Amino acid sequence: MPAQLFGTQHILYIILSTVLGGGVLLAANKLARTEKQQKYVLRLLALLLLAAIVTNRLSQVFRYDTVRWYCLIPDSFCGMTSLVLSLGVLLGKRDNAVLHFTWLLGIFGGISTVIYATFVDQGPTIFYLPTISGLLHHSLSAMVVVAIFLFKQLDVTYKKWYCTLFGFTAYLTVGAFLMEVFDMSDAFHIAEPLLPGTPLTAWVMAPMYAAAYGLILLAFEIAKRKKQTKTKNQRENEAE
């Protein structure tokens, strides 16, 4: 019997990945004290993420009767984010533009997809390569983002809002290319919804994402200013 959404195999994966992932992050936060150690841990996680997404794309290349090399190109927001996020960590500096664009997609897309993994029934078991590699790259995507915040590698600010605009534009450009050249009608959900029977195409999700992202940026800004005010008051009291 194939794996099923919210079936035993899926539930076990959710539990085990949460426990193991959380344990790894807690241990890393406790043991990696120096900046060098923290960067090593973060890049190791990013390398695992890169390996997972590359494995997933290769599994798609050889999944069908004919070899489809164009399947190496991620055709979804989560898949492309796993690739771009991992490269952003491995090749970029602290607080780079790629991290500003991918962090929210990485953690939200990673967690939500692991929980509602509609692709778990594509093989005989959850260990079918396209399935397990898909679950792993989503899990690792969320872990990398959490590690980025644990090790203070990103300063979330409204001043970098344009990173999201450029990033989404790039994603949709890739999606349009895949649709036009390789007839991938569901690429980046430009023409087909994320969930069948819903209106959730990219054009519907984009303004929803923008609104949520704006509120999150506002929350970060409020928290930052409160912290600055508190620190200022403490210094003034100490001076007195």
Protein backbone atom coordinates (compact mmCIF):
# COMPACT_ATOMS: atom_id res chain seq x y z
CA MET A 1 0.00 0.00 0.00
CA PRO A 2 1.51 3.36 -1.00
CA ALA A 3 2.22 6.07 1.54
CA GLN A 4 -0.72 8.39 2.13
CA LEU A 5 -1.16 11.98 3.23
CA PHE A 6 -1.46 11.84 7.04
CA GLY A 7 -0.97 8.09 6.86
CA THR A 8 1.30 6.21 9.28
CA GLN A 9 4.47 6.75 7.25
CA HIS A 10 3.79 10.44 6.79
CA ILE A 11 2.96 11.03 10.47
CA LEU A 12 6.08 9.15 11.55
CA TYR A 13 8.20 11.31 9.24
CA ILE A 14 6.71 14.50 10.66
CA ILE A 15 7.40 13.36 14.23
CA LEU A 16 10.91 12.05 13.59
CA SER A 17 12.00 15.00 11.46
CA THR A 18 10.70 17.44 14.08
CA VAL A 19 12.45 15.67 16.95
CA LEU A 20 15.73 15.11 15.11
CA GLY A 21 15.77 18.53 13.47
CA GLY A 22 14.92 20.29 16.71
CA GLY A 23 17.55 18.27 18.57
CA VAL A 24 20.24 19.12 16.04
CA LEU A 25 19.41 22.83 16.19
CA LEU A 26 19.33 22.87 20.00
CA ALA A 27 22.66 21.06 20.17
CA ALA A 28 24.18 23.38 17.58
CA ASN A 29 22.96 26.46 19.44
CA LYS A 30 24.50 25.16 22.66
CA LEU A 31 27.78 23.81 21.33
CA ALA A 32 28.66 26.19 18.49
CA ARG A 33 29.83 29.20 20.48
CA THR A 34 32.29 30.96 18.22
CA GLU A 35 31.37 32.66 14.96
CA LYS A 36 33.59 30.23 13.07
CA GLN A 37 31.82 27.21 14.58
CA GLN A 38 28.41 28.69 13.86
CA LYS A 39 29.28 29.34 10.22
CA TYR A 40 30.56 25.79 9.92
CA VAL A 41 27.29 24.36 11.24
CA LEU A 42 25.19 26.66 9.04
CA ARG A 43 27.15 25.79 5.91
CA LEU A 44 26.98 22.10 6.72
CA LEU A 45 23.18 22.34 6.90
CA ALA A 46 23.16 24.35 3.67
CA LEU A 47 25.32 21.69 2.00
CA LEU A 48 22.87 18.99 3.10
CA LEU A 49 20.02 21.11 1.75
CA LEU A 50 21.80 21.48 -1.59
CA ALA A 51 22.41 17.73 -1.74
CA ALA A 52 18.73 17.05 -0.98
CA ILE A 53 17.35 19.38 -3.65
CA VAL A 54 19.85 18.18 -6.29
CA THR A 55 18.92 14.57 -5.48
CA ASN A 56 15.25 15.47 -5.75
CA ARG A 57 15.70 17.09 -9.16
CA LEU A 58 17.77 14.17 -10.46
CA SER A 59 15.05 11.78 -9.29
CA GLN A 60 12.61 13.75 -11.44
CA VAL A 61 14.93 13.60 -14.45
CA PHE A 62 14.96 9.78 -14.45
CA ARG A 63 11.45 9.23 -13.14
CA TYR A 64 9.71 8.90 -16.50
CA ASP A 65 10.11 6.63 -19.53
CA THR A 66 12.29 9.25 -21.21
CA VAL A 67 15.12 11.16 -19.56
CA ARG A 68 13.99 14.74 -18.97
CA TRP A 69 17.07 16.84 -18.22
CA TYR A 70 15.04 20.03 -17.99
CA CYS A 71 13.59 18.65 -14.75
CA LEU A 72 16.90 19.62 -13.14
CA ILE A 73 15.47 23.14 -13.00
CA PRO A 74 13.21 23.45 -9.94
CA ASP A 75 9.68 24.23 -11.07
CA SER A 76 8.14 25.24 -7.74
CA PHE A 77 8.62 28.03 -5.20
CA CYS A 78 9.82 25.59 -2.55
CA GLY A 79 12.19 23.72 -4.84
CA MET A 80 13.79 26.87 -6.20
CA THR A 81 13.99 28.35 -2.71
CA SER A 82 15.83 25.28 -1.42
CA LEU A 83 18.37 25.68 -4.23
CA VAL A 84 18.77 29.45 -3.94
CA LEU A 85 18.81 29.48 -0.13
CA SER A 86 21.50 26.80 0.08
CA LEU A 87 23.69 28.65 -2.43
CA GLY A 88 23.03 31.95 -0.66
CA VAL A 89 24.40 30.51 2.57
CA LEU A 90 27.32 28.64 0.98
CA LEU A 91 28.49 31.42 -1.33
CA GLY A 92 27.12 34.62 0.19
CA LYS A 93 28.10 36.76 3.13
CA ARG A 94 26.11 37.46 6.26
CA ASP A 95 22.83 39.35 5.71
CA ASN A 96 22.99 39.05 1.92
CA ALA A 97 20.07 39.86 -0.37
CA VAL A 98 19.31 36.20 -1.12
CA LEU A 99 18.67 35.49 2.55
CA HIS A 100 16.29 38.45 2.78
CA PHE A 101 14.23 37.02 -0.06
CA THR A 102 14.29 33.32 0.80
CA TRP A 103 14.03 33.11 4.59
CA LEU A 104 10.24 33.39 4.85
CA LEU A 105 9.60 31.15 1.84
CA GLY A 106 12.10 28.66 3.24
CA ILE A 107 10.58 28.28 6.68
CA PHE A 108 6.90 28.66 5.78
CA GLY A 109 7.11 26.58 2.62
CA GLY A 110 9.26 23.97 4.31
CA ILE A 111 7.06 23.43 7.34
CA SER A 112 3.70 23.70 5.58
CA THR A 113 4.73 21.29 2.81
CA VAL A 114 6.08 18.68 5.22
CA ILE A 115 2.79 18.81 7.11
CA TYR A 116 0.61 18.81 3.99
CA ALA A 117 2.80 16.81 1.62
CA THR A 118 0.41 16.01 -1.21
CA PHE A 119 3.18 14.13 -3.05
CA VAL A 120 3.72 11.36 -0.46
CA ASP A 121 1.53 8.93 -2.37
CA GLN A 122 3.55 9.02 -5.60
CA GLY A 123 5.50 5.86 -4.74
CA PRO A 124 5.09 2.52 -2.95
CA THR A 125 6.62 3.86 0.29
CA ILE A 126 7.78 7.15 1.72
CA PHE A 127 11.33 6.07 0.84
CA TYR A 128 10.59 6.34 -2.88
CA LEU A 129 13.42 8.68 -3.94
CA PRO A 130 11.32 11.57 -5.32
CA THR A 131 9.21 11.45 -2.13
CA ILE A 132 11.88 11.20 0.56
CA SER A 133 14.19 13.70 -1.16
CA GLY A 134 11.25 16.12 -1.46
CA LEU A 135 10.42 15.78 2.23
CA LEU A 136 14.07 16.16 3.21
CA HIS A 137 14.74 19.32 1.22
CA HIS A 138 11.63 20.95 2.71
CA SER A 139 12.68 19.95 6.25
CA LEU A 140 16.25 21.12 5.74
CA SER A 141 15.06 24.40 4.22
CA ALA A 142 13.21 25.20 7.46
CA MET A 143 16.20 24.09 9.54
CA VAL A 144 18.60 26.33 7.62
CA VAL A 145 16.35 29.36 8.19
CA VAL A 146 16.09 28.63 11.92
CA ALA A 147 19.89 28.28 12.08
CA ILE A 148 20.27 31.61 10.27
CA PHE A 149 18.31 33.31 13.04
CA LEU A 150 19.95 31.33 15.85
CA PHE A 151 23.38 32.44 14.66
CA LYS A 152 22.24 35.99 13.88
CA GLN A 153 23.14 35.86 10.20
CA LEU A 154 20.20 38.02 9.10
CA ASP A 155 18.86 41.41 10.15
CA VAL A 156 15.25 41.51 8.97
CA THR A 157 14.35 45.04 7.90
CA TYR A 158 11.81 46.80 5.70
CA LYS A 159 14.72 48.51 3.96
CA LYS A 160 15.40 45.27 2.06
CA TRP A 161 11.82 44.83 0.81
CA TYR A 162 13.00 45.07 -2.81
CA CYS A 163 14.83 41.74 -2.45
CA THR A 164 11.44 40.01 -2.36
CA LEU A 165 10.23 41.89 -5.42
CA PHE A 166 13.31 40.97 -7.46
CA GLY A 167 13.23 37.38 -6.19
CA PHE A 168 9.60 36.79 -7.10
CA THR A 169 10.16 38.36 -10.50
CA ALA A 170 13.07 35.99 -11.11
CA TYR A 171 11.01 32.97 -10.03
CA LEU A 172 8.11 33.85 -12.31
CA THR A 173 10.53 34.45 -15.18
CA VAL A 174 11.91 30.93 -14.73
CA GLY A 175 8.34 29.63 -14.52
CA ALA A 176 7.35 31.35 -17.76
CA PHE A 177 10.45 29.92 -19.45
CA LEU A 178 9.58 26.37 -18.32
CA MET A 179 6.00 26.79 -19.50
CA GLU A 180 6.94 28.17 -22.89
CA VAL A 181 9.94 26.00 -23.74
CA PHE A 182 9.18 22.70 -22.00
CA ASP A 183 5.38 22.87 -21.75
CA MET A 184 5.41 22.56 -17.94
CA SER A 185 1.94 23.97 -17.36
CA ASP A 186 2.15 23.84 -13.55
CA ALA A 187 5.51 25.63 -13.26
CA PHE A 188 5.49 27.95 -10.25
CA HIS A 189 1.69 27.71 -10.28
CA ILE A 190 1.46 30.56 -12.76
CA ALA A 191 -1.38 28.94 -14.66
CA GLU A 192 -2.41 26.08 -12.36
CA PRO A 193 -3.31 26.39 -8.66
CA LEU A 194 -1.16 25.11 -5.82
CA LEU A 195 -4.04 22.90 -4.68
CA PRO A 196 -6.51 21.53 -7.24
CA GLY A 197 -9.94 23.10 -6.99
CA THR A 198 -8.67 26.29 -5.34
CA PRO A 199 -7.86 29.72 -6.81
CA LEU A 200 -4.32 29.61 -5.38
CA THR A 201 -2.26 30.47 -8.44
CA ALA A 202 0.88 32.59 -8.17
CA TRP A 203 -1.18 35.70 -8.98
CA VAL A 204 -3.45 35.07 -5.99
CA MET A 205 -0.71 33.95 -3.61
CA ALA A 206 1.65 36.84 -4.42
CA PRO A 207 -0.50 39.64 -2.90
CA MET A 208 -1.34 37.38 0.06
CA TYR A 209 2.35 36.72 0.62
CA ALA A 210 3.18 40.42 0.22
CA ALA A 211 0.58 41.38 2.85
CA ALA A 212 1.82 38.74 5.30
CA TYR A 213 5.45 39.72 4.66
CA GLY A 214 4.61 43.38 5.27
CA LEU A 215 3.03 42.56 8.64
CA ILE A 216 6.04 40.46 9.60
CA LEU A 217 8.42 43.27 8.68
CA LEU A 218 6.31 45.64 10.78
CA ALA A 219 6.45 43.26 13.75
CA PHE A 220 10.24 42.98 13.45
CA GLU A 221 10.57 46.77 13.25
CA ILE A 222 8.39 47.32 16.33
CA ALA A 223 10.34 44.71 18.29
CA LYS A 224 13.65 46.25 17.18
CA ARG A 225 12.61 49.76 18.27
CA LYS A 226 11.34 48.53 21.62
CA LYS A 227 14.67 46.81 22.21
CA GLN A 228 16.57 49.95 21.25
CA THR A 229 14.43 52.06 23.58
CA LYS A 230 14.93 49.61 26.44
CA THR A 231 18.69 49.57 25.90
CA LYS A 232 18.79 53.37 25.78
CA ASN A 233 16.81 53.67 29.02
CA GLN A 234 19.10 51.17 30.76
CA ARG A 235 22.18 53.15 29.73
CA GLU A 236 20.64 56.39 30.95
CA ASN A 237 19.80 54.80 34.29
CA GLU A 238 23.31 53.44 34.63
CA ALA A 239 24.74 56.88 33.81
CA GLU A 240 22.73 58.42 36.63
